[in-house]
Amino acid sequence: MVRLIEVRQPREHDVVAARFALAGFGSGFEATVSWRLLGAGGAPLGEGLVPGVGSMGVVDDFALEVELPAGVDARGAHALLQVFGDDASGENPPGTDLNQVRVTLFTGMQGWRLYEVVPGDTLSAIARDEGQGTSVADVFEANRDTLMDPDLIFPGQVLRVPLF
């Protein structure tokens, strides 16, 4: 199956802030491609149009800086980014060529640091020594794709440490 819309950024399980880059390539009906970010229970946190996509089957790169509404407040929330084409019939929401990317949202994050675990490390020490206003829960949630237990980390693991 050929997909006419493909998301390249963010990638699955990336950590994003209230403002993040959305990039990929696509072609949409009348050059219309939409995005939305869904929180817990499918509640929309933000949505909009993706400019710069191709149309009439011509594929073009797109890049967009997404900015969530000011009222959105999340710290370590697992969210679902959807990018999709227009469904003029309204019969197949959210639309054609649906891309879904799971991300972890920290709206107040200023960035993150990569840290390689060494023998004797704990998430508490990593959050305290490598973070800025960072809690153990922040480090754990930012790395839920690789960590199953906050008390179980291994030397050589590379962790994202959110900075606030």
Protein backbone atom coordinates (compact mmCIF):
# COMPACT_ATOMS: atom_id res chain seq x y z
CA MET A 1 0.00 0.00 0.00
CA VAL A 2 1.35 3.41 -0.97
CA ARG A 3 1.03 6.12 1.65
CA LEU A 4 0.90 9.69 0.40
CA ILE A 5 1.62 11.21 3.82
CA GLU A 6 4.57 10.24 5.98
CA VAL A 7 5.71 11.79 9.28
CA ARG A 8 9.48 11.89 9.83
CA GLN A 9 9.52 14.10 12.93
CA PRO A 10 8.68 13.67 15.72
CA ARG A 11 9.48 9.97 15.82
CA GLU A 12 7.68 7.36 17.87
CA HIS A 13 8.27 7.90 21.63
CA ASP A 14 10.00 11.28 21.18
CA VAL A 15 9.78 13.85 23.96
CA VAL A 16 8.10 17.11 22.87
CA ALA A 17 7.35 20.49 24.46
CA ALA A 18 4.48 22.92 23.91
CA ARG A 19 6.27 23.92 20.70
CA PHE A 20 7.77 21.23 18.48
CA ALA A 21 8.74 20.52 14.88
CA LEU A 22 6.46 18.46 12.65
CA ALA A 23 8.09 17.35 9.41
CA GLY A 24 7.66 14.77 6.68
CA PHE A 25 6.38 14.54 3.15
CA GLY A 26 2.95 14.28 1.67
CA SER A 27 0.27 14.94 -0.86
CA GLY A 28 -3.30 15.74 0.10
CA PHE A 29 -6.66 16.39 -1.48
CA GLU A 30 -6.48 20.08 -2.48
CA ALA A 31 -3.14 20.16 -0.61
CA THR A 32 -4.99 19.70 2.69
CA VAL A 33 -3.26 17.75 5.45
CA SER A 34 -4.19 18.15 9.11
CA TRP A 35 -2.55 17.41 12.45
CA ARG A 36 -3.93 16.97 15.93
CA LEU A 37 -2.51 15.96 19.27
CA LEU A 38 -4.71 13.83 21.49
CA GLY A 39 -4.25 13.46 25.23
CA ALA A 40 -5.71 11.04 27.73
CA GLY A 41 -8.99 9.53 26.60
CA GLY A 42 -8.60 11.05 23.14
CA ALA A 43 -9.15 14.65 24.28
CA PRO A 44 -7.71 17.07 21.68
CA LEU A 45 -4.81 19.17 22.99
CA GLY A 46 -4.24 21.02 19.73
CA GLU A 47 -4.94 20.81 16.01
CA GLY A 48 -4.28 22.59 12.76
CA LEU A 49 -3.35 22.42 9.09
CA VAL A 50 0.01 21.43 7.63
CA PRO A 51 1.04 23.91 4.91
CA GLY A 52 3.37 23.08 2.07
CA VAL A 53 2.21 19.59 1.16
CA GLY A 54 1.76 18.56 -2.44
CA SER A 55 -1.53 17.91 -4.19
CA MET A 56 -2.89 15.95 -7.13
CA GLY A 57 -0.59 13.05 -6.25
CA VAL A 58 2.54 15.19 -6.29
CA VAL A 59 4.44 14.61 -3.04
CA ASP A 60 6.38 17.43 -1.38
CA ASP A 61 8.32 17.86 1.87
CA PHE A 62 6.68 19.77 4.70
CA ALA A 63 7.95 21.29 7.93
CA LEU A 64 5.89 23.09 10.51
CA GLU A 65 6.50 24.48 13.98
CA VAL A 66 3.53 23.31 16.02
CA GLU A 67 2.56 25.44 19.00
CA LEU A 68 -0.04 24.11 21.40
CA PRO A 69 -2.63 26.50 22.90
CA ALA A 70 -1.51 28.35 26.05
CA GLY A 71 -4.01 26.47 28.25
CA VAL A 72 -2.44 23.08 27.58
CA ASP A 73 -0.44 21.96 30.63
CA ALA A 74 1.22 18.56 30.72
CA ARG A 75 4.20 17.04 32.46
CA GLY A 76 5.09 13.58 31.21
CA ALA A 77 1.72 13.03 29.50
CA HIS A 78 1.60 10.34 26.87
CA ALA A 79 -0.11 11.78 23.80
CA LEU A 80 -0.95 10.66 20.27
CA LEU A 81 0.00 12.86 17.32
CA GLN A 82 -2.16 12.25 14.26
CA VAL A 83 -1.33 13.57 10.78
CA PHE A 84 -3.81 12.80 8.01
CA GLY A 85 -5.30 13.83 4.70
CA ASP A 86 -8.70 15.38 4.16
CA ASP A 87 -11.69 13.05 3.88
CA ALA A 88 -14.10 15.13 1.85
CA SER A 89 -16.86 12.54 2.30
CA GLY A 90 -16.71 12.69 6.10
CA GLU A 91 -17.20 8.92 6.15
CA ASN A 92 -13.74 7.92 7.36
CA PRO A 93 -12.61 10.27 10.11
CA PRO A 94 -9.99 11.37 10.90
CA GLY A 95 -9.04 11.09 7.21
CA THR A 96 -6.84 9.39 4.67
CA ASP A 97 -3.24 8.21 5.08
CA LEU A 98 -3.51 8.45 8.87
CA ASN A 99 -0.12 8.61 10.63
CA GLN A 100 -0.11 8.11 14.40
CA VAL A 101 2.96 8.83 16.49
CA ARG A 102 3.08 8.34 20.27
CA VAL A 103 4.98 11.13 22.03
CA THR A 104 5.57 12.23 25.62
CA LEU A 105 4.53 15.83 26.28
CA PHE A 106 6.20 18.20 28.74
CA THR A 107 4.69 21.61 27.93
CA GLY A 108 7.10 23.52 30.19
CA MET A 109 10.24 21.77 28.96
CA GLN A 110 13.09 23.94 27.66
CA GLY A 111 14.93 20.99 26.12
CA TRP A 112 16.53 17.76 27.29
CA ARG A 113 19.91 16.31 27.95
CA LEU A 114 21.11 12.85 26.92
CA TYR A 115 22.78 10.95 29.73
CA GLU A 116 24.52 7.57 29.62
CA VAL A 117 23.97 5.51 32.78
CA VAL A 118 27.12 4.45 34.65
CA PRO A 119 27.47 1.84 37.43
CA GLY A 120 25.94 3.08 40.69
CA ASP A 121 23.53 5.57 39.06
CA THR A 122 19.94 5.94 40.20
CA LEU A 123 17.14 7.91 38.56
CA SER A 124 17.09 10.14 41.67
CA ALA A 125 20.76 11.05 41.25
CA ILE A 126 20.38 11.52 37.49
CA ALA A 127 17.36 13.83 37.93
CA ARG A 128 19.16 15.83 40.64
CA ASP A 129 22.59 16.06 38.98
CA GLU A 130 21.72 16.23 35.28
CA GLY A 131 18.30 17.89 35.30
CA GLN A 132 17.00 21.40 35.88
CA GLY A 133 13.85 21.26 38.00
CA THR A 134 13.61 17.62 36.93
CA SER A 135 11.98 14.89 39.03
CA VAL A 136 12.48 11.13 38.98
CA ALA A 137 8.98 10.85 37.45
CA ASP A 138 10.02 13.22 34.65
CA VAL A 139 13.04 11.08 33.72
CA PHE A 140 10.99 7.89 33.97
CA GLU A 141 8.14 9.18 31.77
CA ALA A 142 10.57 10.62 29.21
CA ASN A 143 12.04 7.12 28.82
CA ARG A 144 8.97 4.87 29.13
CA ASP A 145 9.82 3.29 25.78
CA THR A 146 12.96 1.76 27.34
CA LEU A 147 12.31 1.75 31.11
CA MET A 148 9.75 -0.55 32.69
CA ASP A 149 10.70 0.13 36.33
CA PRO A 150 12.19 3.37 37.72
CA ASP A 151 14.34 1.31 40.10
CA LEU A 152 15.88 -0.76 37.32
CA ILE A 153 18.41 1.01 35.08
CA PHE A 154 21.56 -0.44 33.54
CA PRO A 155 25.00 0.94 32.68
CA GLY A 156 25.17 1.92 29.03
CA GLN A 157 21.51 2.95 28.74
CA VAL A 158 21.11 6.43 27.27
CA LEU A 159 18.32 8.38 28.94
CA ARG A 160 16.58 11.65 28.04
CA VAL A 161 16.58 14.05 30.98
CA PRO A 162 13.96 16.84 30.56
CA LEU A 163 15.09 20.36 31.51
CA PHE A 164 12.63 22.94 32.83
